[in-house]
PDB file of N, CA and C in Angstrom:
ATOM      1  N   UNK A   1       0.795  -0.876   0.673  1.00  0.00           N
ATOM      2  CA  UNK A   1       0.086   0.668   0.609  1.00  0.00           C
ATOM      3  C   UNK A   1       0.856   1.185  -0.056  1.00  0.00           C
ATOM      4  N   UNK A   2       0.359   2.570  -0.895  1.00  0.00           N
ATOM      5  CA  UNK A   2       0.759   3.665  -0.845  1.00  0.00           C
ATOM      6  C   UNK A   2      -0.130   4.365  -0.944  1.00  0.00           C
ATOM      7  N   UNK A   3       0.704   5.279  -0.151  1.00  0.00           N
ATOM      8  CA  UNK A   3      -0.442   6.744   0.436  1.00  0.00           C
ATOM      9  C   UNK A   3       0.488   7.878  -0.276  1.00  0.00           C
ATOM     10  N   UNK A   4      -0.482   8.213  -1.045  1.00  0.00           N
ATOM     11  CA  UNK A   4       0.040  10.060  -1.369  1.00  0.00           C
ATOM     12  C   UNK A   4      -0.854  10.683  -1.146  1.00  0.00           C
ATOM     13  N   UNK A   5      -1.580  10.624  -0.420  1.00  0.00           N
ATOM     14  CA  UNK A   5      -2.421  11.643   0.771  1.00  0.00           C
ATOM     15  C   UNK A   5      -2.774  12.781  -0.172  1.00  0.00           C
ATOM     16  N   UNK A   6      -2.851  12.389  -1.687  1.00  0.00           N
ATOM     17  CA  UNK A   6      -3.597  13.653  -2.513  1.00  0.00           C
ATOM     18  C   UNK A   6      -2.174  14.970  -2.810  1.00  0.00           C
ATOM     19  N   UNK A   7      -0.860  14.796  -2.579  1.00  0.00           N
ATOM     20  CA  UNK A   7       0.054  15.462  -3.121  1.00  0.00           C
ATOM     21  C   UNK A   7      -0.286  15.693  -4.426  1.00  0.00           C
ATOM     22  N   UNK A   8       0.055  14.787  -5.909  1.00  0.00           N
ATOM     23  CA  UNK A   8       0.441  14.861  -7.113  1.00  0.00           C
ATOM     24  C   UNK A   8      -0.133  15.845  -6.666  1.00  0.00           C
ATOM     25  N   UNK A   9       0.246  17.081  -7.562  1.00  0.00           N
ATOM     26  CA  UNK A   9      -0.426  18.678  -8.331  1.00  0.00           C
ATOM     27  C   UNK A   9      -1.345  18.249  -9.035  1.00  0.00           C
ATOM     28  N   UNK A  10      -1.234  17.463 -10.497  1.00  0.00           N
ATOM     29  CA  UNK A  10      -1.799  17.057 -11.023  1.00  0.00           C
ATOM     30  C   UNK A  10      -1.743  15.666 -11.399  1.00  0.00           C
ATOM     31  N   UNK A  11      -3.223  14.816 -12.792  1.00  0.00           N
ATOM     32  CA  UNK A  11      -3.727  13.806 -12.523  1.00  0.00           C
ATOM     33  C   UNK A  11      -2.523  13.099 -13.333  1.00  0.00           C
ATOM     34  N   UNK A  12      -2.056  13.512 -13.826  1.00  0.00           N
ATOM     35  CA  UNK A  12      -1.204  13.106 -14.910  1.00  0.00           C
ATOM     36  C   UNK A  12       0.289  12.370 -13.979  1.00  0.00           C
ATOM     37  N   UNK A  13      -0.102  13.844 -12.601  1.00  0.00           N
ATOM     38  CA  UNK A  13       1.860  13.456 -12.187  1.00  0.00           C
ATOM     39  C   UNK A  13       1.908  12.144 -11.656  1.00  0.00           C
ATOM     40  N   UNK A  14       0.207  11.801 -11.152  1.00  0.00           N
ATOM     41  CA  UNK A  14      -0.730  10.968 -10.307  1.00  0.00           C
ATOM     42  C   UNK A  14       0.154   9.441 -11.281  1.00  0.00           C
ATOM     43  N   UNK A  15      -0.166   9.497 -12.148  1.00  0.00           N
ATOM     44  CA  UNK A  15      -0.166   8.748 -13.268  1.00  0.00           C
ATOM     45  C   UNK A  15       1.551   8.568 -13.085  1.00  0.00           C
ATOM     46  N   UNK A  16       2.621   9.389 -13.201  1.00  0.00           N
ATOM     47  CA  UNK A  16       3.618   9.065 -13.526  1.00  0.00           C
ATOM     48  C   UNK A  16       4.112   8.294 -12.347  1.00  0.00           C
ATOM     49  N   UNK A  17       3.450   8.538 -10.642  1.00  0.00           N
ATOM     50  CA  UNK A  17       4.421   7.956 -10.306  1.00  0.00           C
ATOM     51  C   UNK A  17       3.908   6.549  -9.653  1.00  0.00           C
ATOM     52  N   UNK A  18       2.673   5.921  -9.954  1.00  0.00           N
ATOM     53  CA  UNK A  18       2.271   4.660  -9.667  1.00  0.00           C
ATOM     54  C   UNK A  18       2.599   4.131 -10.887  1.00  0.00           C
ATOM     55  N   UNK A  19       2.609   4.825 -12.720  1.00  0.00           N
ATOM     56  CA  UNK A  19       3.571   3.381 -13.587  1.00  0.00           C
ATOM     57  C   UNK A  19       5.153   3.599 -12.325  1.00  0.00           C
ATOM     58  N   UNK A  20       5.855   4.120 -12.118  1.00  0.00           N
ATOM     59  CA  UNK A  20       6.964   4.271 -11.539  1.00  0.00           C
ATOM     60  C   UNK A  20       6.526   3.173 -10.300  1.00  0.00           C
ATOM     61  N   UNK A  21       6.063   3.558  -9.408  1.00  0.00           N
ATOM     62  CA  UNK A  21       6.043   2.318  -8.067  1.00  0.00           C
ATOM     63  C   UNK A  21       5.076   0.511  -9.161  1.00  0.00           C
ATOM     64  N   UNK A  22       4.543   0.860 -10.075  1.00  0.00           N
ATOM     65  CA  UNK A  22       4.151  -0.562 -10.673  1.00  0.00           C
ATOM     66  C   UNK A  22       4.663  -2.502 -10.821  1.00  0.00           C
ATOM     67  N   UNK A  23       5.814  -1.812 -10.513  1.00  0.00           N
ATOM     68  CA  UNK A  23       6.475  -2.956 -10.704  1.00  0.00           C
ATOM     69  C   UNK A  23       6.790  -3.521  -9.073  1.00  0.00           C
ATOM     70  N   UNK A  24       6.696  -3.094  -8.337  1.00  0.00           N
ATOM     71  CA  UNK A  24       7.154  -3.116  -6.628  1.00  0.00           C
ATOM     72  C   UNK A  24       4.979  -3.799  -7.115  1.00  0.00           C
ATOM     73  N   UNK A  25       3.844  -3.938  -6.950  1.00  0.00           N
ATOM     74  CA  UNK A  25       2.998  -4.134  -7.318  1.00  0.00           C
ATOM     75  C   UNK A  25       1.758  -3.815  -6.051  1.00  0.00           C
ATOM     76  N   UNK A  26       1.961  -2.406  -5.740  1.00  0.00           N
ATOM     77  CA  UNK A  26       1.271  -2.133  -4.555  1.00  0.00           C
ATOM     78  C   UNK A  26      -0.236  -3.050  -3.905  1.00  0.00           C
ATOM     79  N   UNK A  27      -0.659  -2.932  -2.910  1.00  0.00           N
ATOM     80  CA  UNK A  27      -2.413  -4.340  -3.255  1.00  0.00           C
ATOM     81  C   UNK A  27      -2.920  -2.712  -3.116  1.00  0.00           C
ATOM     82  N   UNK A  28      -2.315  -1.836  -3.651  1.00  0.00           N
ATOM     83  CA  UNK A  28      -3.418  -0.481  -4.271  1.00  0.00           C
ATOM     84  C   UNK A  28      -2.378   0.574  -3.561  1.00  0.00           C
ATOM     85  N   UNK A  29      -2.623   2.335  -4.238  1.00  0.00           N
ATOM     86  CA  UNK A  29      -2.759   3.774  -4.138  1.00  0.00           C
ATOM     87  C   UNK A  29      -3.639   3.881  -3.164  1.00  0.00           C
ATOM     88  N   UNK A  30      -3.089   4.826  -2.483  1.00  0.00           N
ATOM     89  CA  UNK A  30      -4.696   6.308  -1.387  1.00  0.00           C
ATOM     90  C   UNK A  30      -3.981   7.032  -2.092  1.00  0.00           C
ATOM     91  N   UNK A  31      -5.377   7.673  -2.334  1.00  0.00           N
ATOM     92  CA  UNK A  31      -5.845   8.968  -2.498  1.00  0.00           C
ATOM     93  C   UNK A  31      -4.445   9.592  -3.165  1.00  0.00           C
ATOM     94  N   UNK A  32      -4.520   8.978  -4.431  1.00  0.00           N
ATOM     95  CA  UNK A  32      -3.832   9.220  -5.570  1.00  0.00           C
ATOM     96  C   UNK A  32      -3.950  10.940  -6.174  1.00  0.00           C
ATOM     97  N   UNK A  33      -5.041  11.696  -5.933  1.00  0.00           N
ATOM     98  CA  UNK A  33      -5.037  12.913  -5.854  1.00  0.00           C
ATOM     99  C   UNK A  33      -5.848  13.235  -4.787  1.00  0.00           C
ATOM    100  N   UNK A  34      -7.034  14.396  -4.934  1.00  0.00           N
ATOM    101  CA  UNK A  34      -7.165  15.600  -4.140  1.00  0.00           C
ATOM    102  C   UNK A  34      -8.446  14.498  -3.679  1.00  0.00           C
ATOM    103  N   UNK A  35      -9.313  14.475  -3.035  1.00  0.00           N
ATOM    104  CA  UNK A  35     -10.342  14.275  -2.934  1.00  0.00           C
ATOM    105  C   UNK A  35     -10.986  15.061  -3.769  1.00  0.00           C
ATOM    106  N   UNK A  36     -12.351  15.072  -3.626  1.00  0.00           N
ATOM    107  CA  UNK A  36     -13.683  16.026  -4.436  1.00  0.00           C
ATOM    108  C   UNK A  36     -13.521  16.103  -5.644  1.00  0.00           C
ATOM    109  N   UNK A  37     -12.823  14.599  -6.650  1.00  0.00           N
ATOM    110  CA  UNK A  37     -13.126  15.503  -7.827  1.00  0.00           C
ATOM    111  C   UNK A  37     -12.803  14.095  -8.288  1.00  0.00           C
ATOM    112  N   UNK A  38     -14.185  13.485  -8.481  1.00  0.00           N
ATOM    113  CA  UNK A  38     -14.982  12.387  -8.982  1.00  0.00           C
ATOM    114  C   UNK A  38     -14.019  11.665 -10.691  1.00  0.00           C
ATOM    115  N   UNK A  39     -14.499  13.169 -11.299  1.00  0.00           N
ATOM    116  CA  UNK A  39     -14.053  12.414 -12.933  1.00  0.00           C
ATOM    117  C   UNK A  39     -12.700  12.133 -12.603  1.00  0.00           C
ATOM    118  N   UNK A  40     -11.885  13.210 -12.368  1.00  0.00           N
ATOM    119  CA  UNK A  40     -10.682  13.198 -12.517  1.00  0.00           C
ATOM    120  C   UNK A  40     -10.210  11.038 -11.494  1.00  0.00           C
ATOM    121  N   UNK A  41     -10.315  10.630 -10.504  1.00  0.00           N
ATOM    122  CA  UNK A  41     -10.296   9.856 -10.192  1.00  0.00           C
ATOM    123  C   UNK A  41     -11.100   8.964 -10.838  1.00  0.00           C
ATOM    124  N   UNK A  42     -12.007   8.531 -11.774  1.00  0.00           N
ATOM    125  CA  UNK A  42     -12.589   7.218 -12.671  1.00  0.00           C
ATOM    126  C   UNK A  42     -11.824   7.146 -13.754  1.00  0.00           C
ATOM    127  N   UNK A  43     -10.737   8.590 -14.174  1.00  0.00           N
ATOM    128  CA  UNK A  43     -10.330   8.469 -14.889  1.00  0.00           C
ATOM    129  C   UNK A  43      -8.528   7.973 -14.898  1.00  0.00           C
ATOM    130  N   UNK A  44      -8.112   7.998 -13.699  1.00  0.00           N
ATOM    131  CA  UNK A  44      -6.825   7.580 -13.399  1.00  0.00           C
ATOM    132  C   UNK A  44      -7.473   6.204 -13.367  1.00  0.00           C
ATOM    133  N   UNK A  45      -8.131   5.412 -12.499  1.00  0.00           N
ATOM    134  CA  UNK A  45      -7.862   4.487 -12.617  1.00  0.00           C
ATOM    135  C   UNK A  45      -8.438   3.604 -13.790  1.00  0.00           C
ATOM    136  N   UNK A  46      -9.506   4.160 -14.602  1.00  0.00           N
ATOM    137  CA  UNK A  46      -8.812   3.825 -16.079  1.00  0.00           C
ATOM    138  C   UNK A  46      -7.478   3.677 -16.493  1.00  0.00           C
ATOM    139  N   UNK A  47      -7.134   4.719 -16.632  1.00  0.00           N
ATOM    140  CA  UNK A  47      -5.438   4.198 -16.992  1.00  0.00           C
ATOM    141  C   UNK A  47      -3.714   4.024 -16.467  1.00  0.00           C
ATOM    142  N   UNK A  48      -4.407   3.502 -15.174  1.00  0.00           N
ATOM    143  CA  UNK A  48      -3.533   2.643 -14.219  1.00  0.00           C
ATOM    144  C   UNK A  48      -4.039   0.978 -13.654  1.00  0.00           C
ATOM    145  N   UNK A  49      -2.456   0.425 -14.063  1.00  0.00           N
ATOM    146  CA  UNK A  49      -2.905  -1.197 -13.665  1.00  0.00           C
ATOM    147  C   UNK A  49      -2.999  -1.529 -12.326  1.00  0.00           C
ATOM    148  N   UNK A  50      -2.864  -0.367 -11.126  1.00  0.00           N
ATOM    149  CA  UNK A  50      -2.608  -0.912 -10.127  1.00  0.00           C
ATOM    150  C   UNK A  50      -4.269  -0.146  -9.147  1.00  0.00           C
ATOM    151  N   UNK A  51      -4.803  -0.750  -7.616  1.00  0.00           N
ATOM    152  CA  UNK A  51      -6.427  -0.733  -8.024  1.00  0.00           C
ATOM    153  C   UNK A  51      -5.859   0.973  -6.722  1.00  0.00           C
ATOM    154  N   UNK A  52      -6.963   1.664  -6.851  1.00  0.00           N
ATOM    155  CA  UNK A  52      -6.792   3.056  -6.244  1.00  0.00           C
ATOM    156  C   UNK A  52      -7.901   2.738  -5.211  1.00  0.00           C
ATOM    157  N   UNK A  53      -8.181   3.588  -4.267  1.00  0.00           N
ATOM    158  CA  UNK A  53      -8.927   3.538  -2.840  1.00  0.00           C
ATOM    159  C   UNK A  53      -8.802   5.233  -2.967  1.00  0.00           C
ATOM    160  N   UNK A  54     -10.112   5.282  -1.835  1.00  0.00           N
ATOM    161  CA  UNK A  54     -10.499   6.261  -1.542  1.00  0.00           C
ATOM    162  C   UNK A  54     -11.224   6.460  -0.282  1.00  0.00           C
ATOM    163  N   UNK A  55     -11.601   7.850  -0.196  1.00  0.00           N
ATOM    164  CA  UNK A  55     -12.679   7.449   0.487  1.00  0.00           C
ATOM    165  C   UNK A  55     -12.814   8.520   2.359  1.00  0.00           C
ATOM    166  N   UNK A  56     -11.483   8.653   2.724  1.00  0.00           N
ATOM    167  CA  UNK A  56     -10.761   9.250   3.729  1.00  0.00           C
ATOM    168  C   UNK A  56     -11.177  10.389   4.634  1.00  0.00           C
ATOM    169  N   UNK A  57     -11.557  11.024   2.840  1.00  0.00           N
ATOM    170  CA  UNK A  57     -11.782  12.059   3.344  1.00  0.00           C
ATOM    171  C   UNK A  57     -13.024  12.968   2.009  1.00  0.00           C
ATOM    172  N   UNK A  58     -13.619  11.458   1.870  1.00  0.00           N
ATOM    173  CA  UNK A  58     -15.132  12.018   1.804  1.00  0.00           C
ATOM    174  C   UNK A  58     -15.602  11.701   2.840  1.00  0.00           C
ATOM    175  N   UNK A  59     -16.811  12.293   3.613  1.00  0.00           N
ATOM    176  CA  UNK A  59     -18.137  12.241   3.968  1.00  0.00           C
ATOM    177  C   UNK A  59     -19.610  12.288   3.363  1.00  0.00           C
ATOM    178  N   UNK A  60     -19.857  12.416   2.858  1.00  0.00           N
ATOM    179  CA  UNK A  60     -21.129  12.273   2.333  1.00  0.00           C
ATOM    180  C   UNK A  60     -21.825  11.325   1.724  1.00  0.00           C
ATOM    181  N   UNK A  61     -22.540   9.954   1.587  1.00  0.00           N
ATOM    182  CA  UNK A  61     -23.148   9.704   0.671  1.00  0.00           C
ATOM    183  C   UNK A  61     -22.923  10.060  -1.039  1.00  0.00           C
ATOM    184  N   UNK A  62     -23.309  11.069  -1.619  1.00  0.00           N
ATOM    185  CA  UNK A  62     -23.386  12.324  -2.761  1.00  0.00           C
ATOM    186  C   UNK A  62     -21.840  11.839  -2.806  1.00  0.00           C
ATOM    187  N   UNK A  63     -20.948  12.160  -2.176  1.00  0.00           N
ATOM    188  CA  UNK A  63     -19.454  11.913  -2.508  1.00  0.00           C
ATOM    189  C   UNK A  63     -19.000  11.147  -2.708  1.00  0.00           C
ATOM    190  N   UNK A  64     -19.842   9.442  -2.004  1.00  0.00           N
ATOM    191  CA  UNK A  64     -19.423   8.507  -2.208  1.00  0.00           C
ATOM    192  C   UNK A  64     -19.634   7.729  -4.057  1.00  0.00           C
ATOM    193  N   UNK A  65     -21.178   7.970  -4.131  1.00  0.00           N
ATOM    194  CA  UNK A  65     -21.750   8.259  -5.255  1.00  0.00           C
ATOM    195  C   UNK A  65     -21.720   8.771  -6.133  1.00  0.00           C
ATOM    196  N   UNK A  66     -20.756   9.940  -6.820  1.00  0.00           N
ATOM    197  CA  UNK A  66     -20.075  10.157  -7.259  1.00  0.00           C
ATOM    198  C   UNK A  66     -18.639   9.780  -7.778  1.00  0.00           C
ATOM    199  N   UNK A  67     -17.895   8.867  -6.869  1.00  0.00           N
ATOM    200  CA  UNK A  67     -17.147   8.646  -7.121  1.00  0.00           C
ATOM    201  C   UNK A  67     -18.416   6.625  -8.526  1.00  0.00           C
ATOM    202  N   UNK A  68     -18.724   5.639  -7.697  1.00  0.00           N
ATOM    203  CA  UNK A  68     -19.183   5.548  -7.959  1.00  0.00           C
ATOM    204  C   UNK A  68     -19.789   5.501 -10.054  1.00  0.00           C
ATOM    205  N   UNK A  69     -20.211   6.778  -9.595  1.00  0.00           N
ATOM    206  CA  UNK A  69     -21.395   6.511 -10.738  1.00  0.00           C
ATOM    207  C   UNK A  69     -19.908   7.429 -12.442  1.00  0.00           C
ATOM    208  N   UNK A  70     -19.482   7.944 -11.658  1.00  0.00           N
ATOM    209  CA  UNK A  70     -18.265   8.245 -12.268  1.00  0.00           C
ATOM    210  C   UNK A  70     -17.162   7.010 -12.662  1.00  0.00           C
ATOM    211  N   UNK A  71     -18.101   5.613 -12.775  1.00  0.00           N
ATOM    212  CA  UNK A  71     -17.158   4.467 -12.859  1.00  0.00           C
ATOM    213  C   UNK A  71     -15.235   4.040 -12.362  1.00  0.00           C
ATOM    214  N   UNK A  72     -15.398   5.373 -11.139  1.00  0.00           N
ATOM    215  CA  UNK A  72     -14.784   4.488 -10.138  1.00  0.00           C
ATOM    216  C   UNK A  72     -15.405   3.687  -9.919  1.00  0.00           C
ATOM    217  N   UNK A  73     -13.473   3.112  -9.459  1.00  0.00           N
ATOM    218  CA  UNK A  73     -13.574   1.968  -8.160  1.00  0.00           C
ATOM    219  C   UNK A  73     -13.399   2.230  -6.749  1.00  0.00           C
ATOM    220  N   UNK A  74     -13.672   2.511  -5.981  1.00  0.00           N
ATOM    221  CA  UNK A  74     -13.450   2.815  -4.602  1.00  0.00           C
ATOM    222  C   UNK A  74     -13.774   1.431  -3.776  1.00  0.00           C
ATOM    223  N   UNK A  75     -12.056   1.380  -3.802  1.00  0.00           N
ATOM    224  CA  UNK A  75     -11.967   0.659  -2.348  1.00  0.00           C
ATOM    225  C   UNK A  75     -11.449   1.450  -1.229  1.00  0.00           C
ATOM    226  N   UNK A  76     -12.589   2.135  -0.811  1.00  0.00           N
ATOM    227  CA  UNK A  76     -12.470   3.186   1.036  1.00  0.00           C
ATOM    228  C   UNK A  76     -11.643   2.396   1.822  1.00  0.00           C
ATOM    229  N   UNK A  77     -10.536   4.039   1.963  1.00  0.00           N
ATOM    230  CA  UNK A  77      -9.755   3.479   2.911  1.00  0.00           C
ATOM    231  C   UNK A  77      -9.958   4.286   4.575  1.00  0.00           C
TER     232      UNK A  77
END
């Protein structure tokens, strides 16, 4: 497990970091981008081979629904 704490400053940066650690096959990457951008999380999930986790900083059912509705795979952390 690797926790990015939402620190990458763009979706592209998150992808580069995930691709760099992919050879060690992390169980998942947590908070690869800042929470609240469900479309970006879903896009990133489609572009990387590593499972993504989010949910630690989501608080309402609507926030979780946004992830699911955007096609994101949700692994709540």
